[in-house]
Amino acid sequence: MNASKPFALAPRSRALDRPELDVQRQPHTPPPNTPPASPLDANSRASSQTPPATPSSLSTYPSPPKAAPAFDHTTQSVLGRLQRLRQGEPDSAGFSGPLSASQYKALNNAIAADRALESWVENKLRREWVQSGNGGGVFTVRMPSRIHDAFADLLRSAIDDEIRRIGAAAKTEQFEEGRARTRHQAVVNDSH
């Protein structure tokens, strides 16, 4: 290989001997249009000539897919941990660690890019980022423990029971009020 040409060309393929597949061949340019002598000539000439290729008529290749944003090790580590927590990996203690403002922004963008993770983070995860004076901050995730889950279930059940009791009492009160009105109407009707 010589120094002026760092890349050697591959030998020409036999498939390129076909003119329609030859990429080095110049595109066909039709002869310039001359005004037709008669309308009949215009129709026959229009059907026998191929219009010149325009940039919009040339086939274009789709752009390559956008690569996932690159994260630094810390941001990727936090994102991975959140994804594992969402998938059920036990970590009842939660975690905490320093994140710069740009790392926190990149983490939020990555979470927003994954709809399932975003929904889980918004609905299930307790997190916070407390900014410190140096432009960074501390990112903290608090995970509910089994005791917390049991307490939340008991509280939810107690609230549901109280709502049912209040609803039943209201129905009973409405029934009694209706019954009293009916008695009152009966007494008024009997006195007339």
N, C-alpha and C. Protein backbone atom coordinates (compact mmCIF):
# COMPACT_ATOMS: atom_id res chain seq x y z
N MET A 1 0.86 -1.17 0.00
CA MET A 1 0.00 0.00 0.00
C MET A 1 0.90 1.23 0.00
N ASN A 2 0.62 2.19 -0.86
CA ASN A 2 1.50 3.36 -0.88
C ASN A 2 0.95 4.44 0.04
N ALA A 3 1.81 5.37 0.44
CA ALA A 3 1.44 6.36 1.45
C ALA A 3 0.44 7.38 0.96
N SER A 4 0.37 7.64 -0.34
CA SER A 4 -0.56 8.65 -0.82
C SER A 4 -2.00 8.15 -0.87
N LYS A 5 -2.18 6.83 -0.91
CA LYS A 5 -3.53 6.25 -0.93
C LYS A 5 -3.67 5.30 0.26
N PRO A 6 -4.18 5.79 1.41
CA PRO A 6 -4.25 4.95 2.59
C PRO A 6 -5.30 3.84 2.48
N PHE A 7 -6.29 3.97 1.63
CA PHE A 7 -7.33 2.95 1.49
C PHE A 7 -7.25 2.37 0.09
N ALA A 8 -7.11 1.06 -0.02
CA ALA A 8 -7.08 0.41 -1.32
C ALA A 8 -8.50 0.15 -1.77
N LEU A 9 -8.73 0.26 -3.07
CA LEU A 9 -10.05 -0.02 -3.61
C LEU A 9 -10.19 -1.50 -3.87
N ALA A 10 -11.37 -2.03 -3.63
CA ALA A 10 -11.64 -3.43 -3.91
C ALA A 10 -11.74 -3.61 -5.41
N PRO A 11 -11.42 -4.83 -5.92
CA PRO A 11 -11.56 -5.06 -7.36
C PRO A 11 -13.01 -4.86 -7.79
N ARG A 12 -13.19 -4.43 -9.00
CA ARG A 12 -14.52 -4.16 -9.53
C ARG A 12 -15.32 -5.45 -9.62
N SER A 13 -16.56 -5.39 -9.16
CA SER A 13 -17.44 -6.55 -9.17
C SER A 13 -17.98 -6.80 -10.57
N ARG A 14 -18.27 -8.08 -10.87
CA ARG A 14 -18.85 -8.44 -12.16
C ARG A 14 -20.25 -7.84 -12.29
N ALA A 15 -20.93 -7.64 -11.17
CA ALA A 15 -22.28 -7.06 -11.22
C ALA A 15 -22.23 -5.64 -11.75
N LEU A 16 -21.09 -4.97 -11.56
CA LEU A 16 -21.00 -3.59 -12.02
C LEU A 16 -20.75 -3.49 -13.52
N ASP A 17 -20.56 -4.63 -14.20
CA ASP A 17 -20.44 -4.60 -15.65
C ASP A 17 -21.79 -4.29 -16.28
N ARG A 18 -22.85 -4.42 -15.50
CA ARG A 18 -24.18 -4.06 -16.00
C ARG A 18 -24.34 -2.56 -15.87
N PRO A 19 -24.64 -1.84 -16.93
CA PRO A 19 -24.70 -0.38 -16.89
C PRO A 19 -25.64 0.17 -15.83
N GLU A 20 -26.79 -0.49 -15.57
CA GLU A 20 -27.74 0.06 -14.61
C GLU A 20 -27.23 -0.03 -13.17
N LEU A 21 -26.20 -0.87 -12.93
CA LEU A 21 -25.66 -1.00 -11.59
C LEU A 21 -24.33 -0.28 -11.41
N ASP A 22 -23.82 0.32 -12.46
CA ASP A 22 -22.51 0.97 -12.40
C ASP A 22 -22.64 2.31 -11.68
N VAL A 23 -22.04 2.40 -10.49
CA VAL A 23 -22.16 3.63 -9.71
C VAL A 23 -21.24 4.72 -10.21
N GLN A 24 -20.24 4.36 -11.04
CA GLN A 24 -19.32 5.37 -11.55
C GLN A 24 -19.82 5.99 -12.84
N ARG A 25 -20.83 5.41 -13.44
CA ARG A 25 -21.36 5.90 -14.69
C ARG A 25 -22.17 7.17 -14.44
N GLN A 26 -22.03 8.15 -15.29
CA GLN A 26 -22.75 9.41 -15.16
C GLN A 26 -24.21 9.21 -15.52
N PRO A 27 -25.14 9.91 -14.86
CA PRO A 27 -26.56 9.76 -15.19
C PRO A 27 -26.85 10.27 -16.59
N HIS A 28 -27.87 9.69 -17.19
CA HIS A 28 -28.27 10.07 -18.54
C HIS A 28 -28.90 11.46 -18.51
N THR A 29 -28.42 12.32 -19.40
CA THR A 29 -29.01 13.66 -19.52
C THR A 29 -29.68 13.73 -20.88
N PRO A 30 -30.98 13.96 -20.93
CA PRO A 30 -31.67 14.00 -22.22
C PRO A 30 -31.24 15.23 -23.03
N PRO A 31 -31.41 15.16 -24.33
CA PRO A 31 -31.05 16.31 -25.16
C PRO A 31 -31.97 17.48 -24.83
N PRO A 32 -31.51 18.71 -25.08
CA PRO A 32 -32.36 19.86 -24.78
C PRO A 32 -33.65 19.80 -25.58
N ASN A 33 -34.71 20.30 -24.95
CA ASN A 33 -36.02 20.28 -25.61
C ASN A 33 -36.06 21.33 -26.71
N THR A 34 -36.59 20.89 -27.83
CA THR A 34 -36.84 21.84 -28.92
C THR A 34 -38.34 21.94 -29.06
N PRO A 35 -38.87 23.10 -29.37
CA PRO A 35 -40.32 23.23 -29.47
C PRO A 35 -40.86 22.30 -30.56
N PRO A 36 -41.95 21.63 -30.29
CA PRO A 36 -42.53 20.71 -31.29
C PRO A 36 -43.12 21.47 -32.47
N ALA A 37 -43.10 20.79 -33.60
CA ALA A 37 -43.66 21.39 -34.81
C ALA A 37 -45.18 21.36 -34.77
N SER A 38 -45.76 20.36 -34.12
CA SER A 38 -47.21 20.26 -34.03
C SER A 38 -47.58 19.62 -32.70
N PRO A 39 -48.85 19.72 -32.27
CA PRO A 39 -49.27 19.09 -31.02
C PRO A 39 -49.05 17.59 -31.04
N LEU A 40 -49.17 16.96 -32.21
CA LEU A 40 -48.95 15.52 -32.30
C LEU A 40 -47.50 15.19 -31.96
N ASP A 41 -46.58 16.01 -32.46
CA ASP A 41 -45.17 15.80 -32.15
C ASP A 41 -44.92 15.96 -30.64
N ALA A 42 -45.62 16.87 -30.00
CA ALA A 42 -45.42 17.10 -28.57
C ALA A 42 -45.79 15.86 -27.78
N ASN A 43 -46.92 15.20 -28.14
CA ASN A 43 -47.35 14.01 -27.43
C ASN A 43 -46.38 12.86 -27.63
N SER A 44 -45.92 12.67 -28.89
CA SER A 44 -45.03 11.55 -29.14
C SER A 44 -43.67 11.80 -28.49
N ARG A 45 -43.20 13.04 -28.51
CA ARG A 45 -41.91 13.35 -27.90
C ARG A 45 -42.00 13.21 -26.38
N ALA A 46 -43.10 13.63 -25.75
CA ALA A 46 -43.25 13.55 -24.30
C ALA A 46 -43.23 12.11 -23.83
N SER A 47 -43.82 11.20 -24.62
CA SER A 47 -43.86 9.82 -24.18
C SER A 47 -42.56 9.09 -24.44
N SER A 48 -41.72 9.58 -25.36
CA SER A 48 -40.50 8.87 -25.69
C SER A 48 -39.29 9.37 -24.91
N GLN A 49 -39.42 10.49 -24.24
CA GLN A 49 -38.28 11.03 -23.49
C GLN A 49 -38.50 10.87 -21.99
N THR A 50 -37.44 10.61 -21.29
CA THR A 50 -37.48 10.53 -19.84
C THR A 50 -37.10 11.89 -19.30
N PRO A 51 -37.88 12.43 -18.39
CA PRO A 51 -37.54 13.75 -17.85
C PRO A 51 -36.22 13.66 -17.07
N PRO A 52 -35.49 14.76 -16.99
CA PRO A 52 -34.23 14.73 -16.26
C PRO A 52 -34.48 14.51 -14.77
N ALA A 53 -33.52 13.89 -14.13
CA ALA A 53 -33.64 13.65 -12.70
C ALA A 53 -33.47 14.96 -11.95
N THR A 54 -34.32 15.15 -10.97
CA THR A 54 -34.22 16.34 -10.13
C THR A 54 -33.79 15.87 -8.74
N PRO A 55 -33.23 16.74 -7.94
CA PRO A 55 -32.81 16.32 -6.60
C PRO A 55 -33.94 15.71 -5.80
N SER A 56 -35.18 16.20 -5.96
CA SER A 56 -36.29 15.65 -5.19
C SER A 56 -36.73 14.29 -5.70
N SER A 57 -36.43 13.98 -6.97
CA SER A 57 -36.86 12.69 -7.50
C SER A 57 -35.82 11.60 -7.27
N LEU A 58 -34.61 11.97 -6.90
CA LEU A 58 -33.59 10.97 -6.61
C LEU A 58 -33.93 10.29 -5.29
N SER A 59 -33.67 9.00 -5.24
CA SER A 59 -33.96 8.30 -3.99
C SER A 59 -32.93 8.71 -2.95
N THR A 60 -33.41 8.93 -1.75
CA THR A 60 -32.51 9.29 -0.67
C THR A 60 -32.54 8.18 0.36
N TYR A 61 -31.44 8.01 1.02
CA TYR A 61 -31.36 7.00 2.05
C TYR A 61 -31.84 7.60 3.36
N PRO A 62 -32.54 6.79 4.17
CA PRO A 62 -33.00 7.33 5.45
C PRO A 62 -31.79 7.65 6.33
N SER A 63 -31.97 8.64 7.17
CA SER A 63 -30.88 9.00 8.07
C SER A 63 -30.72 7.88 9.10
N PRO A 64 -29.51 7.67 9.57
CA PRO A 64 -29.30 6.60 10.55
C PRO A 64 -30.04 6.94 11.84
N PRO A 65 -30.43 5.91 12.61
CA PRO A 65 -31.15 6.19 13.86
C PRO A 65 -30.25 6.96 14.81
N LYS A 66 -30.89 7.80 15.61
CA LYS A 66 -30.14 8.59 16.56
C LYS A 66 -29.64 7.68 17.67
N ALA A 67 -28.42 7.87 18.04
CA ALA A 67 -27.83 7.07 19.11
C ALA A 67 -28.40 7.53 20.45
N ALA A 68 -28.46 6.60 21.38
CA ALA A 68 -28.91 6.95 22.72
C ALA A 68 -27.92 7.94 23.32
N PRO A 69 -28.41 8.89 24.10
CA PRO A 69 -27.49 9.87 24.67
C PRO A 69 -26.46 9.18 25.56
N ALA A 70 -25.25 9.67 25.48
CA ALA A 70 -24.18 9.10 26.29
C ALA A 70 -24.23 9.72 27.69
N PHE A 71 -24.16 8.87 28.69
CA PHE A 71 -24.18 9.33 30.07
C PHE A 71 -22.83 9.02 30.69
N ASP A 72 -22.48 9.79 31.69
CA ASP A 72 -21.27 9.43 32.41
C ASP A 72 -21.58 8.23 33.30
N HIS A 73 -20.55 7.69 33.91
CA HIS A 73 -20.70 6.46 34.69
C HIS A 73 -21.69 6.63 35.84
N THR A 74 -21.64 7.76 36.53
CA THR A 74 -22.51 7.98 37.69
C THR A 74 -23.98 8.03 37.27
N THR A 75 -24.28 8.79 36.23
CA THR A 75 -25.67 8.90 35.76
C THR A 75 -26.17 7.55 35.26
N GLN A 76 -25.34 6.82 34.52
CA GLN A 76 -25.73 5.50 34.01
C GLN A 76 -25.97 4.54 35.17
N SER A 77 -25.16 4.64 36.21
CA SER A 77 -25.31 3.78 37.37
C SER A 77 -26.63 4.05 38.08
N VAL A 78 -26.97 5.31 38.28
CA VAL A 78 -28.23 5.67 38.94
C VAL A 78 -29.42 5.22 38.09
N LEU A 79 -29.35 5.45 36.78
CA LEU A 79 -30.43 5.04 35.88
C LEU A 79 -30.61 3.52 35.92
N GLY A 80 -29.51 2.78 35.88
CA GLY A 80 -29.59 1.32 35.96
C GLY A 80 -30.20 0.85 37.26
N ARG A 81 -29.85 1.52 38.34
CA ARG A 81 -30.40 1.13 39.64
C ARG A 81 -31.90 1.39 39.70
N LEU A 82 -32.34 2.51 39.14
CA LEU A 82 -33.78 2.80 39.09
C LEU A 82 -34.52 1.76 38.25
N GLN A 83 -33.93 1.37 37.12
CA GLN A 83 -34.56 0.36 36.27
C GLN A 83 -34.65 -0.98 36.99
N ARG A 84 -33.60 -1.35 37.73
CA ARG A 84 -33.64 -2.62 38.47
C ARG A 84 -34.68 -2.56 39.59
N LEU A 85 -34.79 -1.41 40.26
CA LEU A 85 -35.81 -1.26 41.30
C LEU A 85 -37.21 -1.42 40.72
N ARG A 86 -37.42 -0.83 39.55
CA ARG A 86 -38.73 -0.93 38.89
C ARG A 86 -39.06 -2.37 38.55
N GLN A 87 -38.04 -3.14 38.21
CA GLN A 87 -38.25 -4.55 37.85
C GLN A 87 -38.39 -5.45 39.06
N GLY A 88 -38.29 -4.87 40.26
CA GLY A 88 -38.55 -5.65 41.47
C GLY A 88 -37.34 -6.05 42.27
N GLU A 89 -36.16 -5.58 41.91
CA GLU A 89 -34.98 -5.91 42.71
C GLU A 89 -35.13 -5.29 44.09
N PRO A 90 -35.03 -6.10 45.14
CA PRO A 90 -35.24 -5.55 46.48
C PRO A 90 -34.12 -4.60 46.88
N ASP A 91 -34.50 -3.46 47.39
CA ASP A 91 -33.56 -2.46 47.89
C ASP A 91 -34.35 -1.54 48.80
N SER A 92 -34.79 -2.08 49.93
CA SER A 92 -35.72 -1.33 50.78
C SER A 92 -35.07 -0.13 51.43
N ALA A 93 -33.74 -0.10 51.49
CA ALA A 93 -33.08 1.01 52.15
C ALA A 93 -33.01 2.25 51.27
N GLY A 94 -33.16 2.11 49.97
CA GLY A 94 -33.01 3.24 49.08
C GLY A 94 -31.53 3.55 48.91
N PHE A 95 -31.23 4.70 48.35
CA PHE A 95 -29.83 5.09 48.16
C PHE A 95 -29.74 6.59 48.00
N SER A 96 -28.52 7.07 48.12
CA SER A 96 -28.28 8.51 48.04
C SER A 96 -26.87 8.72 47.52
N GLY A 97 -26.68 9.79 46.74
CA GLY A 97 -25.35 10.08 46.24
C GLY A 97 -25.29 11.42 45.54
N PRO A 98 -24.07 11.93 45.35
CA PRO A 98 -23.93 13.24 44.71
C PRO A 98 -24.17 13.17 43.21
N LEU A 99 -24.86 14.17 42.68
CA LEU A 99 -25.07 14.33 41.24
C LEU A 99 -24.91 15.81 40.93
N SER A 100 -24.21 16.11 39.86
CA SER A 100 -24.12 17.51 39.43
C SER A 100 -25.45 17.91 38.79
N ALA A 101 -25.63 19.19 38.57
CA ALA A 101 -26.87 19.66 37.95
C ALA A 101 -27.03 19.06 36.56
N SER A 102 -25.94 18.96 35.79
CA SER A 102 -26.04 18.39 34.44
C SER A 102 -26.34 16.89 34.50
N GLN A 103 -25.79 16.18 35.48
CA GLN A 103 -26.09 14.76 35.64
C GLN A 103 -27.56 14.56 36.01
N TYR A 104 -28.07 15.41 36.90
CA TYR A 104 -29.47 15.31 37.31
C TYR A 104 -30.39 15.59 36.12
N LYS A 105 -30.04 16.58 35.30
CA LYS A 105 -30.83 16.89 34.11
C LYS A 105 -30.78 15.72 33.12
N ALA A 106 -29.60 15.13 32.91
CA ALA A 106 -29.47 13.98 32.01
C ALA A 106 -30.28 12.79 32.53
N LEU A 107 -30.27 12.58 33.84
CA LEU A 107 -31.05 11.50 34.45
C LEU A 107 -32.54 11.72 34.20
N ASN A 108 -33.03 12.93 34.43
CA ASN A 108 -34.45 13.22 34.19
C ASN A 108 -34.82 13.06 32.73
N ASN A 109 -33.93 13.46 31.81
CA ASN A 109 -34.20 13.28 30.38
C ASN A 109 -34.28 11.80 30.02
N ALA A 110 -33.39 11.00 30.60
CA ALA A 110 -33.41 9.55 30.33
C ALA A 110 -34.67 8.91 30.89
N ILE A 111 -35.09 9.34 32.06
CA ILE A 111 -36.33 8.82 32.65
C ILE A 111 -37.52 9.19 31.77
N ALA A 112 -37.56 10.43 31.30
CA ALA A 112 -38.67 10.89 30.45
C ALA A 112 -38.70 10.17 29.11
N ALA A 113 -37.55 9.68 28.64
CA ALA A 113 -37.50 8.99 27.35
C ALA A 113 -38.08 7.58 27.43
N ASP A 114 -38.22 7.03 28.62
CA ASP A 114 -38.76 5.68 28.82
C ASP A 114 -40.10 5.83 29.53
N ARG A 115 -41.21 5.72 28.78
CA ARG A 115 -42.53 6.01 29.36
C ARG A 115 -42.88 5.13 30.55
N ALA A 116 -42.53 3.84 30.47
CA ALA A 116 -42.85 2.94 31.57
C ALA A 116 -42.06 3.33 32.82
N LEU A 117 -40.79 3.62 32.65
CA LEU A 117 -39.97 4.03 33.79
C LEU A 117 -40.46 5.37 34.33
N GLU A 118 -40.80 6.30 33.44
CA GLU A 118 -41.28 7.61 33.87
C GLU A 118 -42.55 7.48 34.71
N SER A 119 -43.47 6.64 34.28
CA SER A 119 -44.71 6.44 35.03
C SER A 119 -44.42 5.85 36.41
N TRP A 120 -43.53 4.86 36.45
CA TRP A 120 -43.18 4.24 37.72
C TRP A 120 -42.52 5.25 38.66
N VAL A 121 -41.59 6.03 38.13
CA VAL A 121 -40.89 7.03 38.95
C VAL A 121 -41.89 8.04 39.50
N GLU A 122 -42.82 8.51 38.66
CA GLU A 122 -43.78 9.52 39.10
C GLU A 122 -44.79 8.97 40.11
N ASN A 123 -45.19 7.70 39.95
CA ASN A 123 -46.25 7.16 40.79
C ASN A 123 -45.78 6.36 41.99
N LYS A 124 -44.60 5.79 41.92
CA LYS A 124 -44.18 4.88 42.99
C LYS A 124 -42.93 5.31 43.75
N LEU A 125 -42.06 6.03 43.10
CA LEU A 125 -40.76 6.32 43.70
C LEU A 125 -40.78 7.62 44.49
N ARG A 126 -40.15 7.60 45.64
CA ARG A 126 -39.96 8.83 46.41
C ARG A 126 -38.50 9.23 46.22
N ARG A 127 -38.31 10.38 45.57
CA ARG A 127 -36.96 10.83 45.26
C ARG A 127 -36.87 12.33 45.45
N GLU A 128 -35.65 12.79 45.62
CA GLU A 128 -35.43 14.23 45.69
C GLU A 128 -33.99 14.52 45.31
N TRP A 129 -33.77 15.71 44.85
CA TRP A 129 -32.42 16.20 44.56
C TRP A 129 -32.30 17.53 45.28
N VAL A 130 -31.42 17.57 46.25
CA VAL A 130 -31.22 18.78 47.04
C VAL A 130 -29.94 19.43 46.54
N GLN A 131 -30.10 20.63 45.97
CA GLN A 131 -28.96 21.33 45.39
C GLN A 131 -28.09 21.92 46.49
N SER A 132 -26.79 21.79 46.31
CA SER A 132 -25.86 22.40 47.25
C SER A 132 -25.26 23.64 46.61
N GLY A 133 -24.47 24.37 47.33
CA GLY A 133 -23.94 25.64 46.84
C GLY A 133 -22.93 25.51 45.71
N ASN A 134 -22.35 24.34 45.48
CA ASN A 134 -21.30 24.20 44.48
C ASN A 134 -21.82 23.84 43.09
N GLY A 135 -23.10 23.96 42.84
CA GLY A 135 -23.68 23.63 41.53
C GLY A 135 -24.08 22.18 41.41
N GLY A 136 -23.74 21.39 42.38
CA GLY A 136 -24.14 19.99 42.41
C GLY A 136 -25.25 19.80 43.41
N GLY A 137 -25.47 18.57 43.77
CA GLY A 137 -26.49 18.28 44.74
C GLY A 137 -26.45 16.83 45.15
N VAL A 138 -27.38 16.45 46.00
CA VAL A 138 -27.47 15.08 46.47
C VAL A 138 -28.81 14.51 46.00
N PHE A 139 -28.73 13.40 45.27
CA PHE A 139 -29.92 12.71 44.78
C PHE A 139 -30.22 11.58 45.76
N THR A 140 -31.45 11.53 46.25
CA THR A 140 -31.84 10.54 47.24
C THR A 140 -33.09 9.81 46.79
N VAL A 141 -33.07 8.49 46.95
CA VAL A 141 -34.24 7.65 46.66
C VAL A 141 -34.60 6.95 47.95
N ARG A 142 -35.85 7.06 48.34
CA ARG A 142 -36.34 6.38 49.53
C ARG A 142 -37.33 5.32 49.09
N MET A 143 -37.05 4.11 49.46
CA MET A 143 -37.93 3.01 49.08
C MET A 143 -38.77 2.59 50.28
N PRO A 144 -40.04 2.28 50.04
CA PRO A 144 -40.88 1.82 51.14
C PRO A 144 -40.43 0.43 51.61
N SER A 145 -40.48 0.23 52.91
CA SER A 145 -40.14 -1.08 53.47
C SER A 145 -41.42 -1.90 53.58
N ARG A 146 -41.27 -3.16 53.98
CA ARG A 146 -42.45 -4.02 54.17
C ARG A 146 -43.34 -3.46 55.28
N ILE A 147 -42.72 -2.91 56.31
CA ILE A 147 -43.50 -2.32 57.41
C ILE A 147 -44.31 -1.13 56.88
N HIS A 148 -43.68 -0.31 56.05
CA HIS A 148 -44.39 0.83 55.46
C HIS A 148 -45.55 0.35 54.60
N ASP A 149 -45.31 -0.67 53.78
CA ASP A 149 -46.38 -1.20 52.92
C ASP A 149 -47.54 -1.74 53.75
N ALA A 150 -47.22 -2.47 54.84
CA ALA A 150 -48.27 -3.02 55.71
C ALA A 150 -49.06 -1.89 56.37
N PHE A 151 -48.35 -0.86 56.85
CA PHE A 151 -49.02 0.29 57.46
C PHE A 151 -49.92 0.99 56.45
N ALA A 152 -49.42 1.19 55.23
CA ALA A 152 -50.21 1.86 54.18
C ALA A 152 -51.47 1.05 53.87
N ASP A 153 -51.34 -0.28 53.81
CA ASP A 153 -52.52 -1.12 53.56
C ASP A 153 -53.53 -1.02 54.69
N LEU A 154 -53.05 -1.04 55.94
CA LEU A 154 -53.97 -0.90 57.09
C LEU A 154 -54.66 0.46 57.08
N LEU A 155 -53.91 1.50 56.80
CA LEU A 155 -54.49 2.84 56.75
C LEU A 155 -55.54 2.94 55.64
N ARG A 156 -55.22 2.39 54.47
CA ARG A 156 -56.16 2.41 53.35
C ARG A 156 -57.44 1.65 53.72
N SER A 157 -57.30 0.50 54.37
CA SER A 157 -58.47 -0.28 54.79
C SER A 157 -59.31 0.48 55.81
N ALA A 158 -58.64 1.14 56.77
CA ALA A 158 -59.37 1.91 57.78
C ALA A 158 -60.14 3.06 57.14
N ILE A 159 -59.52 3.73 56.18
CA ILE A 159 -60.20 4.83 55.49
C ILE A 159 -61.40 4.30 54.71
N ASP A 160 -61.22 3.19 53.99
CA ASP A 160 -62.33 2.60 53.23
C ASP A 160 -63.48 2.20 54.15
N ASP A 161 -63.16 1.58 55.31
CA ASP A 161 -64.19 1.18 56.27
C ASP A 161 -64.96 2.39 56.79
N GLU A 162 -64.24 3.47 57.08
CA GLU A 162 -64.89 4.69 57.60
C GLU A 162 -65.79 5.31 56.54
N ILE A 163 -65.35 5.31 55.30
CA ILE A 163 -66.19 5.85 54.21
C ILE A 163 -67.46 5.02 54.08
N ARG A 164 -67.33 3.70 54.15
CA ARG A 164 -68.54 2.85 54.07
C ARG A 164 -69.48 3.11 55.26
N ARG A 165 -68.91 3.28 56.46
CA ARG A 165 -69.73 3.54 57.65
C ARG A 165 -70.46 4.87 57.51
N ILE A 166 -69.74 5.90 57.05
CA ILE A 166 -70.37 7.21 56.88
C ILE A 166 -71.46 7.13 55.81
N GLY A 167 -71.19 6.41 54.74
CA GLY A 167 -72.19 6.25 53.67
C GLY A 167 -73.43 5.53 54.17
N ALA A 168 -73.23 4.48 54.96
CA ALA A 168 -74.37 3.75 55.51
C ALA A 168 -75.16 4.63 56.48
N ALA A 169 -74.45 5.41 57.30
CA ALA A 169 -75.13 6.30 58.25
C ALA A 169 -75.92 7.37 57.50
N ALA A 170 -75.35 7.88 56.43
CA ALA A 170 -76.05 8.90 55.65
C ALA A 170 -77.31 8.32 55.03
N LYS A 171 -77.21 7.08 54.53
CA LYS A 171 -78.39 6.44 53.95
C LYS A 171 -79.46 6.22 55.02
N THR A 172 -79.03 5.79 56.21
CA THR A 172 -79.98 5.57 57.30
C THR A 172 -80.64 6.89 57.70
N GLU A 173 -79.84 7.94 57.79
CA GLU A 173 -80.37 9.26 58.16
C GLU A 173 -81.37 9.74 57.11
N GLN A 174 -81.04 9.55 55.83
CA GLN A 174 -81.96 9.96 54.77
C GLN A 174 -83.24 9.14 54.83
N PHE A 175 -83.10 7.86 55.15
CA PHE A 175 -84.27 7.00 55.26
C PHE A 175 -85.17 7.48 56.40
N GLU A 176 -84.55 7.78 57.54
CA GLU A 176 -85.32 8.24 58.70
C GLU A 176 -85.99 9.58 58.41
N GLU A 177 -85.28 10.49 57.73
CA GLU A 177 -85.88 11.78 57.37
C GLU A 177 -87.06 11.57 56.43
N GLY A 178 -86.92 10.71 55.48
CA GLY A 178 -88.01 10.43 54.54
C GLY A 178 -89.20 9.80 55.24
N ARG A 179 -88.92 8.91 56.17
CA ARG A 179 -89.98 8.25 56.92
C ARG A 179 -90.72 9.27 57.80
N ALA A 180 -89.98 10.18 58.41
CA ALA A 180 -90.60 11.21 59.26
C ALA A 180 -91.48 12.13 58.41
N ARG A 181 -91.01 12.50 57.22
CA ARG A 181 -91.81 13.35 56.34
C ARG A 181 -93.09 12.64 55.92
N THR A 182 -92.98 11.37 55.65
CA THR A 182 -94.16 10.59 55.25
C THR A 182 -95.17 10.55 56.39
N ARG A 183 -94.72 10.34 57.61
CA ARG A 183 -95.62 10.32 58.76
C ARG A 183 -96.27 11.69 58.94
N HIS A 184 -95.47 12.73 58.80
CA HIS A 184 -95.99 14.08 58.95
C HIS A 184 -97.06 14.34 57.88
N GLN A 185 -96.81 13.93 56.65
CA GLN A 185 -97.79 14.11 55.58
C GLN A 185 -99.07 13.33 55.88
N ALA A 186 -98.91 12.13 56.43
CA ALA A 186 -100.09 11.32 56.75
C ALA A 186 -100.92 11.99 57.83
N VAL A 187 -100.27 12.56 58.83
CA VAL A 187 -100.98 13.24 59.91
C VAL A 187 -101.68 14.48 59.37
N VAL A 188 -101.02 15.25 58.53
CA VAL A 188 -101.61 16.46 57.94
C VAL A 188 -102.80 16.07 57.08
N ASN A 189 -102.67 15.03 56.30
CA ASN A 189 -103.77 14.60 55.42
C ASN A 189 -104.96 14.09 56.23
N ASP A 190 -104.71 13.41 57.36
CA ASP A 190 -105.79 12.90 58.19
C ASP A 190 -106.54 14.03 58.90
N SER A 191 -105.87 15.11 59.22
CA SER A 191 -106.50 16.21 59.93
C SER A 191 -107.37 17.05 59.01
N HIS A 192 -107.23 16.96 57.76
CA HIS A 192 -108.04 17.76 56.84
C HIS A 192 -109.26 17.07 56.48
